[in-house]
Amino acid sequence: MKRDSRIERIEEKSGSTGALIFISVRHEYSMDGRACLSERQDLVYRADPVPGEAPPAYPPKPDLGPPVAALPLVSDPVRLFRFSAMTFNGHRILYDADYARQVEG
């Protein structure tokens, strides 16, 4: 299998947490010279939080009412690490709860 990736778009914005960089990456997968899959991955980058500074205040979540269906899922660091690897998302908050709480806020 072969994967070709290219950056399609880079956009700078400002949000409630400060400066943000949005990057869209197009991944094209092929096997034996034949296209198999095309996907766009949207990434968001922001500056590291300042140590000791209070985390940003996020707007309250809207009340969507009771869920239509629910499935309990017990997670652990290993499951979250595997999920992040499977989805090609290496952000540390997906598998390091202490880092997510203490550093990212």
N, C-alpha and C. Protein backbone atom coordinates (compact mmCIF):
# COMPACT_ATOMS: atom_id res chain seq x y z
N MET A 1 0.84 -1.17 0.00
CA MET A 1 0.00 0.00 0.00
C MET A 1 0.89 1.24 0.00
N LYS A 2 0.46 2.27 -0.69
CA LYS A 2 1.19 3.52 -0.77
C LYS A 2 0.25 4.66 -0.36
N ARG A 3 0.81 5.61 0.40
CA ARG A 3 0.03 6.79 0.79
C ARG A 3 0.78 8.03 0.35
N ASP A 4 0.11 8.88 -0.42
CA ASP A 4 0.64 10.19 -0.78
C ASP A 4 -0.18 11.23 -0.03
N SER A 5 0.51 12.15 0.63
CA SER A 5 -0.18 13.19 1.40
C SER A 5 0.26 14.55 0.91
N ARG A 6 -0.69 15.49 0.88
CA ARG A 6 -0.35 16.86 0.50
C ARG A 6 -1.21 17.82 1.32
N ILE A 7 -0.63 18.97 1.62
CA ILE A 7 -1.36 20.00 2.35
C ILE A 7 -2.24 20.75 1.36
N GLU A 8 -3.54 20.80 1.65
CA GLU A 8 -4.48 21.49 0.77
C GLU A 8 -4.73 22.93 1.20
N ARG A 9 -4.68 23.16 2.53
CA ARG A 9 -5.05 24.49 3.01
C ARG A 9 -4.41 24.74 4.38
N ILE A 10 -3.97 25.97 4.59
CA ILE A 10 -3.49 26.43 5.89
C ILE A 10 -4.21 27.73 6.19
N GLU A 11 -4.83 27.80 7.34
CA GLU A 11 -5.60 29.00 7.69
C GLU A 11 -5.34 29.37 9.15
N GLU A 12 -5.05 30.64 9.39
CA GLU A 12 -4.85 31.14 10.75
C GLU A 12 -6.13 31.78 11.23
N LYS A 13 -6.49 31.49 12.49
CA LYS A 13 -7.69 32.07 13.10
C LYS A 13 -7.37 32.39 14.56
N SER A 14 -8.28 33.11 15.18
CA SER A 14 -8.16 33.40 16.60
C SER A 14 -9.45 32.95 17.28
N GLY A 15 -9.30 32.23 18.37
CA GLY A 15 -10.46 31.73 19.11
C GLY A 15 -10.37 32.10 20.57
N SER A 16 -11.27 31.54 21.37
CA SER A 16 -11.31 31.87 22.79
C SER A 16 -10.06 31.40 23.52
N THR A 17 -9.32 30.45 22.93
CA THR A 17 -8.09 29.96 23.56
C THR A 17 -6.85 30.61 22.96
N GLY A 18 -7.03 31.56 22.03
CA GLY A 18 -5.89 32.25 21.42
C GLY A 18 -5.74 31.92 19.95
N ALA A 19 -4.52 32.06 19.45
CA ALA A 19 -4.24 31.83 18.03
C ALA A 19 -4.38 30.34 17.70
N LEU A 20 -4.96 30.07 16.53
CA LEU A 20 -5.16 28.70 16.05
C LEU A 20 -4.68 28.60 14.61
N ILE A 21 -4.11 27.47 14.25
CA ILE A 21 -3.71 27.20 12.88
C ILE A 21 -4.50 25.96 12.43
N PHE A 22 -5.27 26.09 11.35
CA PHE A 22 -6.03 24.98 10.78
C PHE A 22 -5.32 24.51 9.52
N ILE A 23 -5.06 23.21 9.44
CA ILE A 23 -4.39 22.64 8.28
C ILE A 23 -5.22 21.47 7.76
N SER A 24 -5.51 21.48 6.46
CA SER A 24 -6.20 20.37 5.81
C SER A 24 -5.19 19.60 4.99
N VAL A 25 -5.13 18.29 5.25
CA VAL A 25 -4.19 17.42 4.55
C VAL A 25 -5.00 16.37 3.78
N ARG A 26 -4.68 16.20 2.51
CA ARG A 26 -5.34 15.19 1.67
C ARG A 26 -4.43 13.97 1.60
N HIS A 27 -4.98 12.80 1.93
CA HIS A 27 -4.26 11.54 1.86
C HIS A 27 -4.88 10.71 0.73
N GLU A 28 -4.04 10.24 -0.17
CA GLU A 28 -4.47 9.37 -1.26
C GLU A 28 -3.79 8.01 -1.07
N TYR A 29 -4.59 6.96 -0.94
CA TYR A 29 -4.06 5.62 -0.75
C TYR A 29 -4.22 4.82 -2.04
N SER A 30 -3.18 4.08 -2.40
CA SER A 30 -3.25 3.24 -3.60
C SER A 30 -2.54 1.92 -3.34
N MET A 31 -2.95 0.93 -4.11
CA MET A 31 -2.32 -0.38 -4.02
C MET A 31 -2.12 -0.89 -5.44
N ASP A 32 -0.91 -1.30 -5.72
CA ASP A 32 -0.56 -1.78 -7.06
C ASP A 32 -0.90 -0.73 -8.12
N GLY A 33 -0.68 0.53 -7.82
CA GLY A 33 -0.93 1.61 -8.76
C GLY A 33 -2.39 2.00 -8.93
N ARG A 34 -3.29 1.39 -8.17
CA ARG A 34 -4.73 1.66 -8.28
C ARG A 34 -5.21 2.42 -7.05
N ALA A 35 -5.90 3.55 -7.26
CA ALA A 35 -6.42 4.36 -6.16
C ALA A 35 -7.44 3.55 -5.36
N CYS A 36 -7.30 3.58 -4.04
CA CYS A 36 -8.21 2.84 -3.16
C CYS A 36 -9.05 3.76 -2.29
N LEU A 37 -8.43 4.84 -1.82
CA LEU A 37 -9.12 5.67 -0.84
C LEU A 37 -8.54 7.07 -0.87
N SER A 38 -9.41 8.04 -0.67
CA SER A 38 -8.99 9.43 -0.54
C SER A 38 -9.67 10.00 0.70
N GLU A 39 -8.89 10.65 1.54
CA GLU A 39 -9.48 11.25 2.74
C GLU A 39 -8.84 12.60 3.01
N ARG A 40 -9.61 13.48 3.65
CA ARG A 40 -9.09 14.77 4.08
C ARG A 40 -9.04 14.75 5.61
N GLN A 41 -7.90 15.14 6.13
CA GLN A 41 -7.71 15.22 7.58
C GLN A 41 -7.56 16.68 7.94
N ASP A 42 -8.40 17.14 8.87
CA ASP A 42 -8.32 18.53 9.34
C ASP A 42 -7.66 18.55 10.71
N LEU A 43 -6.57 19.30 10.81
CA LEU A 43 -5.79 19.39 12.05
C LEU A 43 -5.88 20.81 12.59
N VAL A 44 -5.88 20.94 13.91
CA VAL A 44 -5.90 22.24 14.56
C VAL A 44 -4.73 22.30 15.53
N TYR A 45 -3.95 23.35 15.42
CA TYR A 45 -2.81 23.56 16.31
C TYR A 45 -3.01 24.84 17.09
N ARG A 46 -2.61 24.82 18.36
CA ARG A 46 -2.63 26.03 19.18
C ARG A 46 -1.38 26.04 20.03
N ALA A 47 -1.06 27.20 20.56
CA ALA A 47 0.14 27.32 21.40
C ALA A 47 -0.03 26.51 22.68
N ASP A 48 1.10 26.04 23.20
CA ASP A 48 1.06 25.34 24.48
C ASP A 48 0.54 26.28 25.56
N PRO A 49 -0.22 25.76 26.52
CA PRO A 49 -0.68 26.60 27.62
C PRO A 49 0.50 27.07 28.47
N VAL A 50 0.33 28.22 29.08
CA VAL A 50 1.36 28.76 29.96
C VAL A 50 1.25 28.05 31.31
N PRO A 51 2.36 27.44 31.80
CA PRO A 51 2.30 26.74 33.09
C PRO A 51 1.81 27.66 34.21
N GLY A 52 0.89 27.14 35.01
CA GLY A 52 0.35 27.90 36.13
C GLY A 52 -0.80 28.81 35.78
N GLU A 53 -1.02 29.06 34.50
CA GLU A 53 -2.12 29.93 34.08
C GLU A 53 -3.42 29.12 34.08
N ALA A 54 -4.52 29.77 34.44
CA ALA A 54 -5.81 29.09 34.48
C ALA A 54 -6.20 28.65 33.06
N PRO A 55 -6.84 27.48 32.94
CA PRO A 55 -7.28 27.04 31.60
C PRO A 55 -8.37 27.99 31.09
N PRO A 56 -8.53 28.05 29.76
CA PRO A 56 -9.54 28.96 29.20
C PRO A 56 -10.95 28.57 29.63
N ALA A 57 -11.83 29.55 29.68
CA ALA A 57 -13.23 29.30 30.01
C ALA A 57 -13.96 28.97 28.72
N TYR A 58 -14.47 27.76 28.61
CA TYR A 58 -15.19 27.34 27.42
C TYR A 58 -16.68 27.63 27.59
N PRO A 59 -17.39 27.89 26.50
CA PRO A 59 -18.83 28.13 26.62
C PRO A 59 -19.54 26.87 27.11
N PRO A 60 -20.67 27.04 27.80
CA PRO A 60 -21.38 25.86 28.30
C PRO A 60 -21.92 25.01 27.15
N LYS A 61 -21.99 23.71 27.40
CA LYS A 61 -22.52 22.80 26.39
C LYS A 61 -24.03 23.00 26.26
N PRO A 62 -24.55 22.91 25.04
CA PRO A 62 -26.01 23.05 24.90
C PRO A 62 -26.71 21.81 25.44
N ASP A 63 -27.92 21.99 25.93
CA ASP A 63 -28.72 20.87 26.41
C ASP A 63 -29.39 20.22 25.21
N LEU A 64 -28.98 19.03 24.87
CA LEU A 64 -29.52 18.32 23.72
C LEU A 64 -30.62 17.34 24.10
N GLY A 65 -30.97 17.31 25.38
CA GLY A 65 -31.99 16.37 25.83
C GLY A 65 -31.39 15.00 26.07
N PRO A 66 -32.23 14.04 26.40
CA PRO A 66 -31.72 12.70 26.67
C PRO A 66 -31.22 12.03 25.39
N PRO A 67 -30.23 11.16 25.51
CA PRO A 67 -29.71 10.48 24.31
C PRO A 67 -30.75 9.52 23.73
N VAL A 68 -30.69 9.33 22.43
CA VAL A 68 -31.58 8.39 21.76
C VAL A 68 -31.17 6.96 22.10
N ALA A 69 -29.86 6.74 22.18
CA ALA A 69 -29.33 5.43 22.54
C ALA A 69 -28.01 5.64 23.26
N ALA A 70 -27.66 4.70 24.10
CA ALA A 70 -26.40 4.79 24.83
C ALA A 70 -25.77 3.41 24.93
N LEU A 71 -24.44 3.39 24.79
CA LEU A 71 -23.69 2.16 24.91
C LEU A 71 -22.53 2.42 25.85
N PRO A 72 -22.50 1.75 27.00
CA PRO A 72 -21.40 1.99 27.93
C PRO A 72 -20.07 1.49 27.36
N LEU A 73 -19.03 2.25 27.58
CA LEU A 73 -17.69 1.88 27.11
C LEU A 73 -16.70 2.19 28.23
N VAL A 74 -16.05 1.17 28.70
CA VAL A 74 -15.02 1.34 29.71
C VAL A 74 -13.69 1.49 28.97
N SER A 75 -13.03 2.61 29.19
CA SER A 75 -11.78 2.86 28.48
C SER A 75 -10.62 2.85 29.46
N ASP A 76 -9.45 2.72 28.91
CA ASP A 76 -8.22 2.76 29.69
C ASP A 76 -7.12 3.31 28.79
N PRO A 77 -5.96 3.62 29.34
CA PRO A 77 -4.89 4.21 28.53
C PRO A 77 -4.49 3.35 27.32
N VAL A 78 -4.51 2.04 27.45
CA VAL A 78 -4.13 1.18 26.34
C VAL A 78 -5.14 1.29 25.20
N ARG A 79 -6.43 1.26 25.52
CA ARG A 79 -7.47 1.37 24.49
C ARG A 79 -7.37 2.73 23.79
N LEU A 80 -7.17 3.80 24.56
CA LEU A 80 -7.06 5.12 23.96
C LEU A 80 -5.82 5.24 23.08
N PHE A 81 -4.72 4.62 23.50
CA PHE A 81 -3.50 4.63 22.69
C PHE A 81 -3.75 3.90 21.37
N ARG A 82 -4.40 2.75 21.42
CA ARG A 82 -4.69 1.99 20.20
C ARG A 82 -5.63 2.77 19.28
N PHE A 83 -6.63 3.43 19.86
CA PHE A 83 -7.55 4.23 19.05
C PHE A 83 -6.80 5.36 18.35
N SER A 84 -5.93 6.06 19.08
CA SER A 84 -5.19 7.16 18.47
C SER A 84 -4.26 6.65 17.37
N ALA A 85 -3.67 5.47 17.56
CA ALA A 85 -2.81 4.90 16.53
C ALA A 85 -3.62 4.50 15.30
N MET A 86 -4.78 3.90 15.53
CA MET A 86 -5.62 3.44 14.43
C MET A 86 -6.15 4.61 13.59
N THR A 87 -6.37 5.74 14.22
CA THR A 87 -6.91 6.91 13.50
C THR A 87 -5.80 7.89 13.10
N PHE A 88 -4.55 7.49 13.25
CA PHE A 88 -3.40 8.33 12.90
C PHE A 88 -3.44 9.66 13.65
N ASN A 89 -3.95 9.66 14.86
CA ASN A 89 -4.03 10.89 15.66
C ASN A 89 -3.10 10.70 16.85
N GLY A 90 -1.93 11.32 16.78
CA GLY A 90 -0.93 11.12 17.82
C GLY A 90 -0.99 12.13 18.94
N HIS A 91 -2.09 12.90 19.05
CA HIS A 91 -2.13 13.92 20.10
C HIS A 91 -2.15 13.25 21.46
N ARG A 92 -1.30 13.72 22.33
CA ARG A 92 -1.09 13.09 23.63
C ARG A 92 -2.33 13.08 24.51
N ILE A 93 -3.25 14.02 24.32
CA ILE A 93 -4.44 14.04 25.18
C ILE A 93 -5.31 12.80 24.98
N LEU A 94 -5.12 12.07 23.88
CA LEU A 94 -5.93 10.89 23.64
C LEU A 94 -5.50 9.69 24.47
N TYR A 95 -4.29 9.71 25.00
CA TYR A 95 -3.84 8.54 25.74
C TYR A 95 -3.15 8.88 27.05
N ASP A 96 -3.07 10.14 27.43
CA ASP A 96 -2.39 10.52 28.67
C ASP A 96 -3.30 11.47 29.46
N ALA A 97 -4.14 10.88 30.30
CA ALA A 97 -5.14 11.67 31.03
C ALA A 97 -4.50 12.72 31.93
N ASP A 98 -3.41 12.37 32.61
CA ASP A 98 -2.76 13.34 33.49
C ASP A 98 -2.24 14.54 32.70
N TYR A 99 -1.63 14.29 31.54
CA TYR A 99 -1.16 15.38 30.68
C TYR A 99 -2.34 16.23 30.24
N ALA A 100 -3.42 15.60 29.82
CA ALA A 100 -4.59 16.34 29.33
C ALA A 100 -5.14 17.24 30.43
N ARG A 101 -5.23 16.74 31.65
CA ARG A 101 -5.77 17.54 32.75
C ARG A 101 -4.79 18.61 33.24
N GLN A 102 -3.53 18.22 33.44
CA GLN A 102 -2.58 19.12 34.09
C GLN A 102 -1.91 20.11 33.13
N VAL A 103 -1.67 19.72 31.89
CA VAL A 103 -0.96 20.59 30.95
C VAL A 103 -1.92 21.27 29.99
N GLU A 104 -2.79 20.50 29.34
CA GLU A 104 -3.70 21.06 28.37
C GLU A 104 -4.90 21.76 29.03
N GLY A 105 -5.21 21.36 30.23
CA GLY A 105 -6.33 21.99 30.93
C GLY A 105 -7.66 21.45 30.50
